[in-house]
Protein backbone atom coordinates (compact mmCIF):
# COMPACT_ATOMS: atom_id res chain seq x y z
CA MET A 1 0.00 0.00 0.00
CA PRO A 2 1.30 3.49 -0.73
CA LYS A 3 2.23 5.70 2.16
CA PRO A 4 -0.80 7.81 3.11
CA TRP A 5 -0.27 11.56 3.10
CA SER A 6 -1.24 12.34 6.68
CA SER A 7 -1.95 15.99 7.33
CA ASP A 8 -0.63 15.56 10.90
CA GLU A 9 2.67 14.09 9.66
CA ILE A 10 3.09 16.78 7.01
CA ARG A 11 2.40 19.46 9.64
CA ALA A 12 5.16 18.01 11.85
CA GLU A 13 7.54 17.63 8.89
CA LEU A 14 7.06 21.18 7.63
CA PHE A 15 7.10 22.91 10.97
CA GLY A 16 9.46 20.63 12.90
CA VAL A 17 7.20 20.02 15.87
CA PRO A 18 4.50 17.53 16.74
CA PRO A 19 1.02 18.50 15.51
CA ALA A 20 -0.11 19.36 19.03
CA GLU A 21 2.47 22.14 19.23
CA VAL A 22 1.48 23.95 16.04
CA ASP A 23 -1.36 26.45 15.69
CA SER A 24 -3.34 24.43 13.16
CA TYR A 25 -5.36 27.38 11.87
CA ALA A 26 -2.21 29.30 10.98
CA VAL A 27 -0.61 26.45 9.03
CA ASP A 28 -3.49 24.38 7.61
CA ALA A 29 -3.40 26.04 4.20
CA ARG A 30 0.31 25.23 3.79
CA VAL A 31 -0.13 21.67 5.08
CA PHE A 32 -2.97 20.86 2.70
CA GLU A 33 -1.19 22.57 -0.19
CA GLU A 34 1.77 20.26 0.40
CA ARG A 35 -0.46 17.19 0.79
CA ASP A 36 -2.17 18.03 -2.49
CA ARG A 37 1.18 18.59 -4.23
CA ARG A 38 2.31 15.12 -3.17
CA ILE A 39 -0.93 13.53 -4.29
CA VAL A 40 -0.72 15.22 -7.69
CA ALA A 41 2.86 14.00 -8.11
CA ARG A 42 1.85 10.39 -7.40
CA LEU A 43 -1.19 10.50 -9.66
CA ALA A 44 0.78 12.18 -12.45
CA ALA A 45 3.24 9.29 -12.23
CA GLY A 46 0.35 6.82 -12.61
CA ARG A 47 0.56 5.69 -9.00
CA THR A 48 -2.02 5.34 -6.25
CA ALA A 49 -2.31 8.12 -3.69
CA VAL A 50 -3.84 7.97 -0.22
CA ALA A 51 -4.91 11.11 1.67
CA GLU A 52 -5.19 10.65 5.42
CA SER A 53 -7.24 13.58 6.61
CA THR A 54 -10.55 13.88 8.41
CA ASN A 55 -12.42 15.37 5.42
CA VAL A 56 -15.79 15.44 7.16
CA THR A 57 -17.20 18.24 5.00
CA PRO A 58 -18.15 18.09 1.34
CA GLN A 59 -15.85 21.09 0.76
CA ALA A 60 -12.81 19.23 2.14
CA ARG A 61 -13.59 16.18 0.03
CA ALA A 62 -14.22 18.30 -3.07
CA ARG A 63 -10.60 19.41 -3.05
CA LEU A 64 -9.41 15.81 -3.27
CA LEU A 65 -12.12 14.77 -5.72
CA THR A 66 -11.09 17.60 -8.04
CA ILE A 67 -7.50 16.39 -8.01
CA ALA A 68 -8.60 12.81 -8.66
CA SER A 69 -10.78 13.84 -11.58
CA ARG A 70 -7.83 15.60 -13.26
CA PHE A 71 -6.15 12.19 -13.50
CA ASN A 72 -9.28 10.05 -13.99
CA ALA A 73 -8.38 8.37 -10.72
CA ARG A 74 -10.89 6.10 -9.03
CA VAL A 75 -11.80 7.42 -5.57
CA THR A 76 -12.31 5.11 -2.61
CA MET A 77 -13.47 6.63 0.66
CA LEU A 78 -13.27 5.15 4.12
CA ARG A 79 -15.96 6.08 6.62
CA PHE A 80 -15.33 6.01 10.33
CA THR A 81 -18.07 5.73 12.90
CA PRO A 82 -19.22 9.06 14.28
CA ASP A 83 -19.81 7.47 17.71
CA ILE A 84 -19.00 10.32 20.05
CA THR A 85 -17.74 8.13 22.90
CA ASP A 86 -15.20 6.43 20.65
CA LEU A 87 -14.20 9.69 18.99
CA LEU A 88 -13.61 11.43 22.31
CA GLN A 89 -11.51 8.50 23.54
CA GLN A 90 -9.41 8.55 20.36
CA HIS A 91 -9.07 12.31 20.65
CA GLY A 92 -7.76 11.96 24.20
CA GLU A 93 -5.18 9.42 23.02
CA ARG A 94 -3.93 11.68 20.20
CA GLY A 95 -2.75 14.45 22.51
CA ARG A 96 -3.92 17.30 20.26
CA PRO A 97 -4.63 20.34 22.47
CA ASP A 98 -5.31 22.39 19.32
CA VAL A 99 -8.45 20.29 18.79
CA THR A 100 -11.00 20.49 21.60
CA ALA A 101 -13.67 18.03 22.69
CA ALA A 102 -16.18 20.54 21.31
CA ASP A 103 -14.40 20.34 17.93
CA VAL A 104 -14.67 16.54 18.03
CA ARG A 105 -18.38 16.76 18.79
CA GLY A 106 -18.78 19.16 15.87
CA TYR A 107 -16.89 16.81 13.54
CA ALA A 108 -19.16 13.95 14.63
CA ALA A 109 -22.29 16.00 13.92
CA THR A 110 -20.93 16.98 10.51
CA MET A 111 -20.10 13.35 9.70
CA MET A 112 -23.63 12.30 10.63
CA ARG A 113 -25.10 15.04 8.44
CA ASP A 114 -22.68 15.10 5.48
CA ALA A 115 -20.96 11.73 5.09
CA SER A 116 -23.65 9.17 4.38
CA THR A 117 -22.93 6.55 1.76
CA ASP A 118 -25.41 8.22 -0.59
CA GLN A 119 -23.76 11.62 -0.08
CA LEU A 120 -20.27 10.25 -0.72
CA ARG A 121 -21.42 8.47 -3.87
CA SER A 122 -23.11 11.63 -5.12
CA GLU A 123 -19.81 13.46 -4.65
CA GLY A 124 -17.96 10.97 -6.83
CA ALA A 125 -16.73 8.11 -4.65
CA ALA A 126 -16.48 4.89 -6.67
CA ALA A 127 -16.23 2.79 -3.50
CA ILE A 128 -17.02 3.42 0.15
CA HIS A 129 -15.96 1.22 3.03
CA ASP A 130 -17.01 1.48 6.65
CA VAL A 131 -13.94 1.01 8.82
CA PRO A 132 -14.38 -1.31 11.79
CA GLY A 133 -13.23 0.07 15.10
CA ARG A 134 -13.29 -0.39 18.84
CA ARG A 135 -16.94 -1.38 18.98
CA GLN A 136 -16.12 -4.29 16.68
CA GLY A 137 -12.99 -5.17 18.67
CA VAL A 138 -10.65 -4.03 15.88
CA THR A 139 -7.50 -1.99 16.50
CA PRO A 140 -6.48 0.76 14.04
CA ALA A 141 -3.60 -1.42 12.79
CA GLU A 142 -5.94 -4.37 12.23
CA ALA A 143 -8.42 -2.14 10.41
CA ALA A 144 -5.68 -0.76 8.15
CA GLU A 145 -4.65 -4.29 7.16
CA ARG A 146 -8.13 -4.89 5.75
CA PHE A 147 -7.79 -2.33 2.99
CA SER A 148 -5.76 -2.26 -0.18
CA PHE A 149 -5.70 0.64 -2.61
CA ARG A 150 -4.46 -0.24 -6.08
């Protein structure tokens, strides 16, 4: 599987500190510009690209879908459960003080409203997979092993 372009990892790479120590609002534009540049480079070379970002809004997904369409790339989207208990636990484990519990609750509400299978298909996803998680007894590493993007 290709290396996913994680916005958190790019933020740390570009700014030399862990994501929790960077003012995300001040640097997000640069981080996503770099992520998109890397995705374009892979797709231009005829390779698969994976974007690892929350992308809970149609606007965030549109940016990636536009890039994919330039290269006639098939888009597969992974959906994560918007269960607030699980999301808040994961948030606590990430150590991201720049993202609050209120932000997490907002993301969950947005996912419930704007990331149904029908919505994602209408946006251009060729395939959509629900990712198993804690409630199914699956660790993130085990979940990642279930998916292949070629």
